[in-house]
C-alpha atoms as a PDB file:
ATOM      1  CA  MET A   1      70.710 -52.700  30.335  1.00  0.00           C
ATOM      2  CA  LYS A   2      70.928 -53.217  26.618  1.00  0.00           C
ATOM      3  CA  THR A   3      72.536 -55.925  24.501  1.00  0.00           C
ATOM      4  CA  ILE A   4      74.447 -55.154  21.327  1.00  0.00           C
ATOM      5  CA  ASN A   5      71.708 -56.754  19.224  1.00  0.00           C
ATOM      6  CA  GLU A   6      69.061 -54.588  20.860  1.00  0.00           C
ATOM      7  CA  ALA A   7      71.139 -51.440  20.318  1.00  0.00           C
ATOM      8  CA  ILE A   8      71.766 -52.349  16.685  1.00  0.00           C
ATOM      9  CA  GLY A   9      68.111 -53.262  16.161  1.00  0.00           C
ATOM     10  CA  GLU A  10      67.010 -49.814  17.354  1.00  0.00           C
ATOM     11  CA  ARG A  11      69.386 -48.105  14.948  1.00  0.00           C
ATOM     12  CA  LEU A  12      68.436 -50.328  12.023  1.00  0.00           C
ATOM     13  CA  SER A  13      64.763 -49.497  12.585  1.00  0.00           C
ATOM     14  CA  ARG A  14      65.574 -45.792  12.579  1.00  0.00           C
ATOM     15  CA  ILE A  15      67.783 -46.138   9.500  1.00  0.00           C
ATOM     16  CA  LYS A  16      65.034 -48.088   7.717  1.00  0.00           C
ATOM     17  CA  LEU A  17      62.541 -45.300   8.378  1.00  0.00           C
ATOM     18  CA  GLU A  18      65.010 -42.626   7.261  1.00  0.00           C
ATOM     19  CA  LYS A  19      65.781 -44.541   4.060  1.00  0.00           C
ATOM     20  CA  GLN A  20      62.084 -44.860   3.252  1.00  0.00           C
ATOM     21  CA  MET A  21      61.587 -41.141   3.795  1.00  0.00           C
ATOM     22  CA  ASP A  22      64.619 -40.324   1.624  1.00  0.00           C
ATOM     23  CA  MET A  23      63.350 -42.641  -1.095  1.00  0.00           C
ATOM     24  CA  ASN A  24      59.883 -41.086  -1.089  1.00  0.00           C
ATOM     25  CA  ASP A  25      61.405 -37.604  -1.237  1.00  0.00           C
ATOM     26  CA  MET A  26      63.598 -38.619  -4.172  1.00  0.00           C
ATOM     27  CA  ILE A  27      60.663 -40.144  -6.074  1.00  0.00           C
ATOM     28  CA  GLU A  28      58.604 -37.014  -5.502  1.00  0.00           C
ATOM     29  CA  ARG A  29      61.401 -34.754  -6.755  1.00  0.00           C
ATOM     30  CA  VAL A  30      62.039 -36.860  -9.863  1.00  0.00           C
ATOM     31  CA  TYR A  31      58.340 -37.131 -10.737  1.00  0.00           C
ATOM     32  CA  ARG A  32      57.870 -33.406 -10.250  1.00  0.00           C
ATOM     33  CA  LYS A  33      60.700 -32.713 -12.662  1.00  0.00           C
ATOM     34  CA  PHE A  34      59.797 -35.510 -15.102  1.00  0.00           C
ATOM     35  CA  PRO A  35      56.001 -36.012 -15.232  1.00  0.00           C
ATOM     36  CA  GLU A  36      56.486 -38.229 -18.312  1.00  0.00           C
ATOM     37  CA  LEU A  37      58.292 -40.765 -16.113  1.00  0.00           C
ATOM     38  CA  LYS A  38      55.523 -40.625 -13.565  1.00  0.00           C
ATOM     39  CA  LYS A  39      53.052 -41.434 -16.356  1.00  0.00           C
ATOM     40  CA  ILE A  40      55.148 -44.412 -17.523  1.00  0.00           C
ATOM     41  CA  ASP A  41      55.398 -45.786 -13.982  1.00  0.00           C
ATOM     42  CA  GLY A  42      51.668 -45.292 -13.456  1.00  0.00           C
ATOM     43  CA  ASP A  43      50.936 -47.254 -16.638  1.00  0.00           C
ATOM     44  CA  LEU A  44      53.263 -50.031 -15.451  1.00  0.00           C
ATOM     45  CA  VAL A  45      51.366 -50.268 -12.181  1.00  0.00           C
ATOM     46  CA  ASP A  46      48.058 -50.515 -14.078  1.00  0.00           C
ATOM     47  CA  VAL A  47      49.362 -53.252 -16.422  1.00  0.00           C
ATOM     48  CA  ARG A  48      50.744 -55.309 -13.551  1.00  0.00           C
ATOM     49  CA  ALA A  49      47.511 -54.932 -11.613  1.00  0.00           C
ATOM     50  CA  SER A  50      45.592 -56.174 -14.664  1.00  0.00           C
ATOM     51  CA  ARG A  51      47.885 -59.214 -14.942  1.00  0.00           C
ATOM     52  CA  LEU A  52      47.314 -59.972 -11.281  1.00  0.00           C
ATOM     53  CA  ILE A  53      43.543 -59.800 -11.735  1.00  0.00           C
ATOM     54  CA  CYS A  54      43.812 -62.173 -14.710  1.00  0.00           C
ATOM     55  CA  SER A  55      45.769 -64.594 -12.549  1.00  0.00           C
ATOM     56  CA  ILE A  56      43.208 -64.440  -9.743  1.00  0.00           C
ATOM     57  CA  GLU A  57      40.287 -64.890 -12.142  1.00  0.00           C
ATOM     58  CA  GLN A  58      42.193 -67.532 -14.139  1.00  0.00           C
ATOM     59  CA  ASP A  59      41.589 -65.596 -17.337  1.00  0.00           C
ATOM     60  CA  ASP A  60      44.646 -66.126 -19.553  1.00  0.00           C
ATOM     61  CA  ALA A  61      43.295 -64.501 -22.727  1.00  0.00           C
ATOM     62  CA  PRO A  62      44.510 -60.927 -22.033  1.00  0.00           C
ATOM     63  CA  VAL A  63      47.874 -62.013 -20.594  1.00  0.00           C
ATOM     64  CA  PRO A  64      49.973 -62.017 -23.821  1.00  0.00           C
ATOM     65  CA  ALA A  65      48.894 -58.456 -24.716  1.00  0.00           C
ATOM     66  CA  LEU A  66      49.473 -57.270 -21.155  1.00  0.00           C
ATOM     67  CA  LYS A  67      52.890 -58.892 -21.081  1.00  0.00           C
ATOM     68  CA  LYS A  68      53.858 -57.213 -24.352  1.00  0.00           C
ATOM     69  CA  ARG A  69      52.636 -53.860 -23.077  1.00  0.00           C
ATOM     70  CA  GLU A  70      54.667 -54.259 -19.905  1.00  0.00           C
ATOM     71  CA  GLU A  71      57.817 -55.013 -21.912  1.00  0.00           C
ATOM     72  CA  GLU A  72      57.223 -51.915 -24.044  1.00  0.00           C
ATOM     73  CA  LEU A  73      56.781 -49.728 -21.000  1.00  0.00           C
ATOM     74  CA  LEU A  74      59.927 -51.127 -19.376  1.00  0.00           C
ATOM     75  CA  ALA A  75      61.954 -50.431 -22.505  1.00  0.00           C
ATOM     76  CA  GLN A  76      60.479 -46.930 -22.719  1.00  0.00           C
ATOM     77  CA  ARG A  77      61.291 -46.347 -19.063  1.00  0.00           C
ATOM     78  CA  LYS A  78      64.888 -47.539 -19.417  1.00  0.00           C
ATOM     79  CA  LYS A  79      65.442 -45.255 -22.401  1.00  0.00           C
ATOM     80  CA  PHE A  80      63.919 -42.281 -20.583  1.00  0.00           C
ATOM     81  CA  LEU A  81      66.124 -42.807 -17.507  1.00  0.00           C
ATOM     82  CA  LEU A  82      69.226 -43.045 -19.678  1.00  0.00           C
ATOM     83  CA  GLU A  83      68.431 -39.970 -21.761  1.00  0.00           C
ATOM     84  CA  ASN A  84      67.751 -37.852 -18.691  1.00  0.00           C
ATOM     85  CA  ASN A  85      70.615 -39.151 -16.525  1.00  0.00           C
ATOM     86  CA  ILE A  86      68.241 -40.461 -13.879  1.00  0.00           C
ATOM     87  CA  PRO A  87      69.706 -43.241 -11.698  1.00  0.00           C
ATOM     88  CA  GLU A  88      67.947 -46.572 -12.262  1.00  0.00           C
ATOM     89  CA  ASP A  89      67.597 -47.031  -8.520  1.00  0.00           C
ATOM     90  CA  PHE A  90      66.124 -43.597  -7.776  1.00  0.00           C
ATOM     91  CA  ASP A  91      62.915 -45.279  -6.586  1.00  0.00           C
ATOM     92  CA  ARG A  92      64.659 -47.751  -4.288  1.00  0.00           C
ATOM     93  CA  GLU A  93      66.061 -47.418  -0.785  1.00  0.00           C
ATOM     94  CA  GLN A  94      69.724 -46.446  -0.815  1.00  0.00           C
ATOM     95  CA  ILE A  95      72.339 -48.331   1.164  1.00  0.00           C
ATOM     96  CA  ARG A  96      73.857 -46.140   3.867  1.00  0.00           C
ATOM     97  CA  CYS A  97      76.797 -48.350   4.824  1.00  0.00           C
ATOM     98  CA  PRO A  98      78.532 -50.127   1.948  1.00  0.00           C
ATOM     99  CA  LYS A  99      80.634 -52.133   4.392  1.00  0.00           C
ATOM    100  CA  CYS A 100      77.724 -54.066   5.906  1.00  0.00           C
ATOM    101  CA  GLY A 101      74.844 -53.278   3.558  1.00  0.00           C
ATOM    102  CA  ASP A 102      72.889 -51.741   6.453  1.00  0.00           C
ATOM    103  CA  THR A 103      72.693 -55.033   8.347  1.00  0.00           C
ATOM    104  CA  GLY A 104      74.798 -53.844  11.280  1.00  0.00           C
ATOM    105  CA  PHE A 105      77.138 -56.798  10.905  1.00  0.00           C
ATOM    106  CA  THR A 106      80.022 -57.669   8.636  1.00  0.00           C
ATOM    107  CA  GLU A 107      82.372 -60.622   8.230  1.00  0.00           C
ATOM    108  CA  ALA A 108      85.821 -60.894   9.781  1.00  0.00           C
ATOM    109  CA  SER A 109      88.767 -62.297   7.857  1.00  0.00           C
ATOM    110  CA  ASP A 110      88.213 -65.702   9.456  1.00  0.00           C
ATOM    111  CA  GLY A 111      84.541 -65.781   8.505  1.00  0.00           C
ATOM    112  CA  ARG A 112      83.096 -64.787  11.884  1.00  0.00           C
ATOM    113  CA  ARG A 113      80.123 -62.429  11.971  1.00  0.00           C
ATOM    114  CA  VAL A 114      81.149 -59.232  13.753  1.00  0.00           C
ATOM    115  CA  VAL A 115      79.540 -55.877  14.473  1.00  0.00           C
ATOM    116  CA  CYS A 116      80.118 -53.276  11.776  1.00  0.00           C
ATOM    117  CA  THR A 117      81.946 -50.519  13.626  1.00  0.00           C
ATOM    118  CA  ALA A 118      81.827 -48.335  10.507  1.00  0.00           C
ATOM    119  CA  CYS A 119      78.142 -47.568  11.119  1.00  0.00           C
ATOM    120  CA  MET A 120      77.413 -49.000  14.584  1.00  0.00           C
ATOM    121  CA  LYS A 121      80.099 -47.315  16.659  1.00  0.00           C
ATOM    122  CA  ASP A 122      77.545 -45.428  18.756  1.00  0.00           C
ATOM    123  CA  ALA A 123      75.587 -48.654  19.322  1.00  0.00           C
ATOM    124  CA  VAL A 124      78.759 -50.329  20.546  1.00  0.00           C
ATOM    125  CA  ILE A 125      79.548 -47.474  22.955  1.00  0.00           C
ATOM    126  CA  GLU A 126      75.972 -47.437  24.253  1.00  0.00           C
ATOM    127  CA  THR A 127      76.109 -51.192  24.817  1.00  0.00           C
ATOM    128  CA  TYR A 128      79.375 -50.934  26.740  1.00  0.00           C
ATOM    129  CA  ASN A 129      77.883 -48.212  28.935  1.00  0.00           C
ATOM    130  CA  GLU A 130      74.699 -50.221  29.506  1.00  0.00           C
ATOM    131  CA  SER A 131      76.664 -53.394  30.288  1.00  0.00           C
ATOM    132  CA  GLY A 132      78.654 -52.300  33.318  1.00  0.00           C
ATOM    133  CA  MET A 133      81.642 -50.862  31.448  1.00  0.00           C
ATOM    134  CA  ARG A 134      80.909 -47.138  31.538  1.00  0.00           C
ATOM    135  CA  ASP A 135      84.018 -46.488  33.639  1.00  0.00           C
ATOM    136  CA  PHE A 136      86.344 -48.381  31.289  1.00  0.00           C
ATOM    137  CA  SER A 137      86.250 -46.324  28.102  1.00  0.00           C
ATOM    138  CA  SER A 138      90.057 -46.363  27.982  1.00  0.00           C
ATOM    139  CA  PHE A 139      90.062 -50.175  27.793  1.00  0.00           C
ATOM    140  CA  THR A 140      89.654 -50.500  24.025  1.00  0.00           C
ATOM    141  CA  ILE A 141      89.862 -53.460  21.674  1.00  0.00           C
ATOM    142  CA  LYS A 142      92.004 -51.362  19.346  1.00  0.00           C
ATOM    143  CA  SER A 143      94.618 -50.764  22.029  1.00  0.00           C
ATOM    144  CA  PHE A 144      94.591 -54.385  23.193  1.00  0.00           C
ATOM    145  CA  ASP A 145      97.842 -55.892  21.947  1.00  0.00           C
ATOM    146  CA  LEU A 146      97.908 -59.644  22.361  1.00  0.00           C
ATOM    147  CA  ASN A 147     101.566 -59.651  21.356  1.00  0.00           C
ATOM    148  CA  TYR A 148     102.258 -57.765  24.573  1.00  0.00           C
ATOM    149  CA  TYR A 149     101.296 -60.967  26.372  1.00  0.00           C
ATOM    150  CA  LYS A 150     103.318 -63.220  24.074  1.00  0.00           C
ATOM    151  CA  ASN A 151     104.232 -66.498  25.802  1.00  0.00           C
ATOM    152  CA  SER A 152     102.673 -65.190  28.995  1.00  0.00           C
ATOM    153  CA  GLU A 153      99.988 -66.342  31.391  1.00  0.00           C
ATOM    154  CA  ARG A 154      97.670 -63.537  30.258  1.00  0.00           C
ATOM    155  CA  LYS A 155      97.873 -64.625  26.615  1.00  0.00           C
ATOM    156  CA  ARG A 156      96.950 -68.170  27.607  1.00  0.00           C
ATOM    157  CA  GLN A 157      94.052 -66.852  29.670  1.00  0.00           C
ATOM    158  CA  PHE A 158      92.745 -64.710  26.830  1.00  0.00           C
ATOM    159  CA  GLU A 159      92.855 -67.676  24.466  1.00  0.00           C
ATOM    160  CA  GLY A 160      90.901 -69.647  27.064  1.00  0.00           C
ATOM    161  CA  LEU A 161      88.317 -66.879  27.302  1.00  0.00           C
ATOM    162  CA  ARG A 162      87.974 -66.788  23.543  1.00  0.00           C
ATOM    163  CA  LYS A 163      87.383 -70.548  23.446  1.00  0.00           C
ATOM    164  CA  LEU A 164      84.754 -70.111  26.141  1.00  0.00           C
ATOM    165  CA  LEU A 165      82.939 -67.545  23.990  1.00  0.00           C
ATOM    166  CA  GLU A 166      83.158 -69.834  20.966  1.00  0.00           C
ATOM    167  CA  GLY A 167      81.654 -72.750  22.909  1.00  0.00           C
ATOM    168  CA  LYS A 168      84.851 -74.798  22.672  1.00  0.00           C
ATOM    169  CA  THR A 169      85.164 -75.541  26.390  1.00  0.00           C
ATOM    170  CA  ASP A 170      83.551 -78.272  28.466  1.00  0.00           C
ATOM    171  CA  LYS A 171      82.958 -75.996  31.443  1.00  0.00           C
ATOM    172  CA  LYS A 172      80.830 -72.867  31.278  1.00  0.00           C
ATOM    173  CA  LEU A 173      81.815 -71.565  34.706  1.00  0.00           C
ATOM    174  CA  MET A 174      85.460 -70.467  34.710  1.00  0.00           C
ATOM    175  CA  LEU A 175      87.799 -68.790  37.183  1.00  0.00           C
ATOM    176  CA  LEU A 176      90.147 -66.089  35.910  1.00  0.00           C
ATOM    177  CA  ASN A 177      92.820 -66.050  38.573  1.00  0.00           C
ATOM    178  CA  GLY A 178      95.874 -63.866  39.159  1.00  0.00           C
ATOM    179  CA  GLY A 179      97.643 -61.720  41.692  1.00  0.00           C
ATOM    180  CA  ILE A 180      96.729 -58.170  42.622  1.00  0.00           C
ATOM    181  CA  GLN A 181      97.508 -55.551  39.944  1.00  0.00           C
ATOM    182  CA  THR A 182      98.281 -58.131  37.267  1.00  0.00           C
ATOM    183  CA  GLY A 183      95.758 -56.915  34.675  1.00  0.00           C
ATOM    184  CA  LYS A 184      92.813 -59.201  35.477  1.00  0.00           C
ATOM    185  CA  THR A 185      90.252 -56.403  35.279  1.00  0.00           C
ATOM    186  CA  TYR A 186      91.671 -55.143  32.011  1.00  0.00           C
ATOM    187  CA  LEU A 187      91.467 -58.624  30.513  1.00  0.00           C
ATOM    188  CA  ALA A 188      87.953 -59.131  31.911  1.00  0.00           C
ATOM    189  CA  VAL A 189      86.628 -55.884  30.422  1.00  0.00           C
ATOM    190  CA  ILE A 190      88.323 -56.495  27.072  1.00  0.00           C
ATOM    191  CA  THR A 191      86.714 -59.935  26.950  1.00  0.00           C
ATOM    192  CA  CYS A 192      83.256 -58.445  27.560  1.00  0.00           C
ATOM    193  CA  LYS A 193      83.824 -55.884  24.827  1.00  0.00           C
ATOM    194  CA  TYR A 194      85.196 -58.531  22.495  1.00  0.00           C
ATOM    195  CA  ALA A 195      82.066 -60.625  23.089  1.00  0.00           C
ATOM    196  CA  ALA A 196      79.804 -57.663  22.278  1.00  0.00           C
ATOM    197  CA  LEU A 197      81.627 -57.134  18.982  1.00  0.00           C
ATOM    198  CA  GLN A 198      80.810 -60.743  18.112  1.00  0.00           C
ATOM    199  CA  GLY A 199      77.123 -59.915  18.574  1.00  0.00           C
ATOM    200  CA  LEU A 200      76.930 -61.648  21.971  1.00  0.00           C
ATOM    201  CA  SER A 201      75.178 -60.271  25.024  1.00  0.00           C
ATOM    202  CA  SER A 202      77.812 -59.637  27.691  1.00  0.00           C
ATOM    203  CA  TYR A 203      77.876 -57.941  31.073  1.00  0.00           C
ATOM    204  CA  TYR A 204      80.628 -56.883  33.467  1.00  0.00           C
ATOM    205  CA  VAL A 205      79.900 -56.509  37.157  1.00  0.00           C
ATOM    206  CA  LYS A 206      81.945 -56.317  40.337  1.00  0.00           C
ATOM    207  CA  ALA A 207      80.963 -58.886  42.947  1.00  0.00           C
ATOM    208  CA  GLU A 208      80.355 -56.283  45.639  1.00  0.00           C
ATOM    209  CA  THR A 209      77.739 -54.508  43.501  1.00  0.00           C
ATOM    210  CA  LEU A 210      75.652 -57.614  42.785  1.00  0.00           C
ATOM    211  CA  MET A 211      73.411 -56.640  45.682  1.00  0.00           C
ATOM    212  CA  TYR A 212      72.272 -53.557  43.757  1.00  0.00           C
ATOM    213  CA  LEU A 213      70.897 -55.451  40.763  1.00  0.00           C
ATOM    214  CA  SER A 214      67.162 -55.070  40.393  1.00  0.00           C
ATOM    215  CA  ARG A 215      64.918 -58.090  40.027  1.00  0.00           C
ATOM    216  CA  GLU A 216      64.440 -57.258  36.350  1.00  0.00           C
ATOM    217  CA  GLU A 217      68.182 -56.916  35.750  1.00  0.00           C
ATOM    218  CA  LEU A 218      68.891 -60.194  37.506  1.00  0.00           C
ATOM    219  CA  GLN A 219      66.281 -61.926  35.367  1.00  0.00           C
ATOM    220  CA  GLU A 220      67.854 -60.557  32.189  1.00  0.00           C
ATOM    221  CA  LEU A 221      71.366 -61.584  33.205  1.00  0.00           C
ATOM    222  CA  LYS A 222      70.318 -65.177  33.641  1.00  0.00           C
ATOM    223  CA  SER A 223      70.208 -65.571  29.853  1.00  0.00           C
ATOM    224  CA  TYR A 224      73.123 -63.339  28.770  1.00  0.00           C
ATOM    225  CA  ASP A 225      75.748 -65.077  26.641  1.00  0.00           C
ATOM    226  CA  LEU A 226      78.565 -63.958  28.945  1.00  0.00           C
ATOM    227  CA  ILE A 227      78.719 -62.581  32.476  1.00  0.00           C
ATOM    228  CA  VAL A 228      82.015 -61.541  34.077  1.00  0.00           C
ATOM    229  CA  ILE A 229      81.994 -61.119  37.872  1.00  0.00           C
ATOM    230  CA  ASP A 230      85.126 -59.231  38.915  1.00  0.00           C
ATOM    231  CA  ASP A 231      86.814 -58.739  42.297  1.00  0.00           C
ATOM    232  CA  TYR A 232      85.281 -61.884  43.726  1.00  0.00           C
ATOM    233  CA  SER A 233      86.419 -63.132  47.095  1.00  0.00           C
ATOM    234  CA  ALA A 234      84.966 -65.538  49.596  1.00  0.00           C
ATOM    235  CA  GLU A 235      84.393 -62.612  51.960  1.00  0.00           C
ATOM    236  CA  VAL A 236      81.784 -60.968  49.720  1.00  0.00           C
ATOM    237  CA  THR A 237      79.501 -63.991  50.092  1.00  0.00           C
ATOM    238  CA  ARG A 238      79.204 -63.234  53.795  1.00  0.00           C
ATOM    239  CA  ASN A 239      76.843 -60.483  52.697  1.00  0.00           C
ATOM    240  CA  ASN A 240      73.558 -62.337  52.481  1.00  0.00           C
ATOM    241  CA  ARG A 241      72.138 -60.201  49.661  1.00  0.00           C
ATOM    242  CA  ILE A 242      75.229 -60.744  47.521  1.00  0.00           C
ATOM    243  CA  ALA A 243      75.257 -64.464  48.278  1.00  0.00           C
ATOM    244  CA  ASN A 244      71.560 -64.829  47.403  1.00  0.00           C
ATOM    245  CA  THR A 245      71.954 -62.904  44.150  1.00  0.00           C
ATOM    246  CA  LEU A 246      75.068 -64.823  43.138  1.00  0.00           C
ATOM    247  CA  HIS A 247      73.491 -68.164  44.001  1.00  0.00           C
ATOM    248  CA  THR A 248      70.387 -67.377  41.938  1.00  0.00           C
ATOM    249  CA  LEU A 249      72.449 -66.099  39.005  1.00  0.00           C
ATOM    250  CA  LEU A 250      74.911 -68.997  38.914  1.00  0.00           C
ATOM    251  CA  GLU A 251      72.221 -71.622  39.353  1.00  0.00           C
ATOM    252  CA  ALA A 252      70.207 -70.316  36.407  1.00  0.00           C
ATOM    253  CA  ARG A 253      73.233 -69.817  34.168  1.00  0.00           C
ATOM    254  CA  LEU A 254      74.692 -73.251  34.884  1.00  0.00           C
ATOM    255  CA  ALA A 255      71.309 -74.822  34.105  1.00  0.00           C
ATOM    256  CA  ALA A 256      71.148 -72.876  30.828  1.00  0.00           C
ATOM    257  CA  ASP A 257      74.792 -73.680  29.968  1.00  0.00           C
ATOM    258  CA  ARG A 258      75.735 -69.989  29.786  1.00  0.00           C
ATOM    259  CA  ALA A 259      79.329 -68.741  30.015  1.00  0.00           C
ATOM    260  CA  THR A 260      80.220 -67.154  33.354  1.00  0.00           C
ATOM    261  CA  VAL A 261      83.652 -65.935  34.432  1.00  0.00           C
ATOM    262  CA  ILE A 262      84.618 -65.325  38.063  1.00  0.00           C
ATOM    263  CA  VAL A 263      87.635 -63.017  38.442  1.00  0.00           C
ATOM    264  CA  SER A 264      89.570 -63.339  41.690  1.00  0.00           C
ATOM    265  CA  ALA A 265      93.016 -62.939  43.214  1.00  0.00           C
ATOM    266  CA  SER A 266      92.412 -66.087  45.271  1.00  0.00           C
ATOM    267  CA  PRO A 267      92.997 -69.625  43.966  1.00  0.00           C
ATOM    268  CA  LEU A 268      89.994 -71.868  43.375  1.00  0.00           C
ATOM    269  CA  GLU A 269      90.622 -74.118  46.366  1.00  0.00           C
ATOM    270  CA  VAL A 270      90.512 -71.123  48.719  1.00  0.00           C
ATOM    271  CA  LEU A 271      87.298 -69.815  47.162  1.00  0.00           C
ATOM    272  CA  VAL A 272      85.654 -73.230  47.467  1.00  0.00           C
ATOM    273  CA  ALA A 273      86.771 -73.637  51.060  1.00  0.00           C
ATOM    274  CA  ASP A 274      85.732 -70.194  52.320  1.00  0.00           C
ATOM    275  CA  SER A 275      82.728 -69.108  50.222  1.00  0.00           C
ATOM    276  CA  ASP A 276      79.080 -69.443  51.169  1.00  0.00           C
ATOM    277  CA  ASP A 277      78.198 -73.127  50.941  1.00  0.00           C
ATOM    278  CA  ARG A 278      75.750 -72.591  48.072  1.00  0.00           C
ATOM    279  CA  ILE A 279      78.384 -70.738  46.030  1.00  0.00           C
ATOM    280  CA  ALA A 280      81.169 -73.114  47.006  1.00  0.00           C
ATOM    281  CA  GLY A 281      79.165 -76.040  45.678  1.00  0.00           C
ATOM    282  CA  LYS A 282      78.982 -74.407  42.274  1.00  0.00           C
ATOM    283  CA  LEU A 283      82.610 -73.288  42.259  1.00  0.00           C
ATOM    284  CA  LYS A 284      83.697 -76.895  42.729  1.00  0.00           C
ATOM    285  CA  SER A 285      82.682 -77.569  39.129  1.00  0.00           C
ATOM    286  CA  ALA A 286      84.442 -74.480  37.761  1.00  0.00           C
ATOM    287  CA  GLY A 287      87.348 -74.641  35.379  1.00  0.00           C
ATOM    288  CA  THR A 288      90.376 -72.379  35.648  1.00  0.00           C
ATOM    289  CA  LEU A 289      91.923 -70.025  33.120  1.00  0.00           C
END
């Protein structure tokens, strides 16, 4: 299991190290070719160190001369760089991704912070695979056309899911309901992927596989921003391991006010009536999409 922020963090750490190595290599090459510049930069370091010592020792007498010397060296350095066509930022880390400035995130047209897919595409794919969506690579945000659902129940449901992610709903436990083969799974997976692209931790799981979650995985999922439990029916709660896992998960997430979506072909009243009593008690407070 890995959240989008964890996946991005790993890549940013690697990129940071690579940028530092590239910078050091560039400095070494430039200094080797232009030893005069290396001498100027060395003198600048010495002058600045002397000014720092004066500050620590509260000795202001040498400061004016040191300041003047520093200004002379900076002017000399600028002229040398210009005359030799050396980039002014040769001794600084270079930005790899101009779109996000190597932060891993950029800004959408409406001001929302979103994952930068220009440089974090592999992090996004890894997160999907680590978040229960390995088998749904064909369900892509790019191919999701909301206009296809214009004036339809699915469009209304997606808008409700988006409000849930944005914290604009009163209820954090919601039922996504619809008949068999009506696109519930597609909408559920797209919502999880959409959440990840907003920098949220999301996870997709089928109800029947809840019993296979490890203790560590269950503990992690308690604090995820969004959990989608697909193919839920009252019958699955007759499996004691599934019922125990679901009870523990829902109880913790409701207490923490975390968004949880139950996907089912059955209406809420049927799920409440026929589910394990512990689950039914929690479903009573659920909203519907």
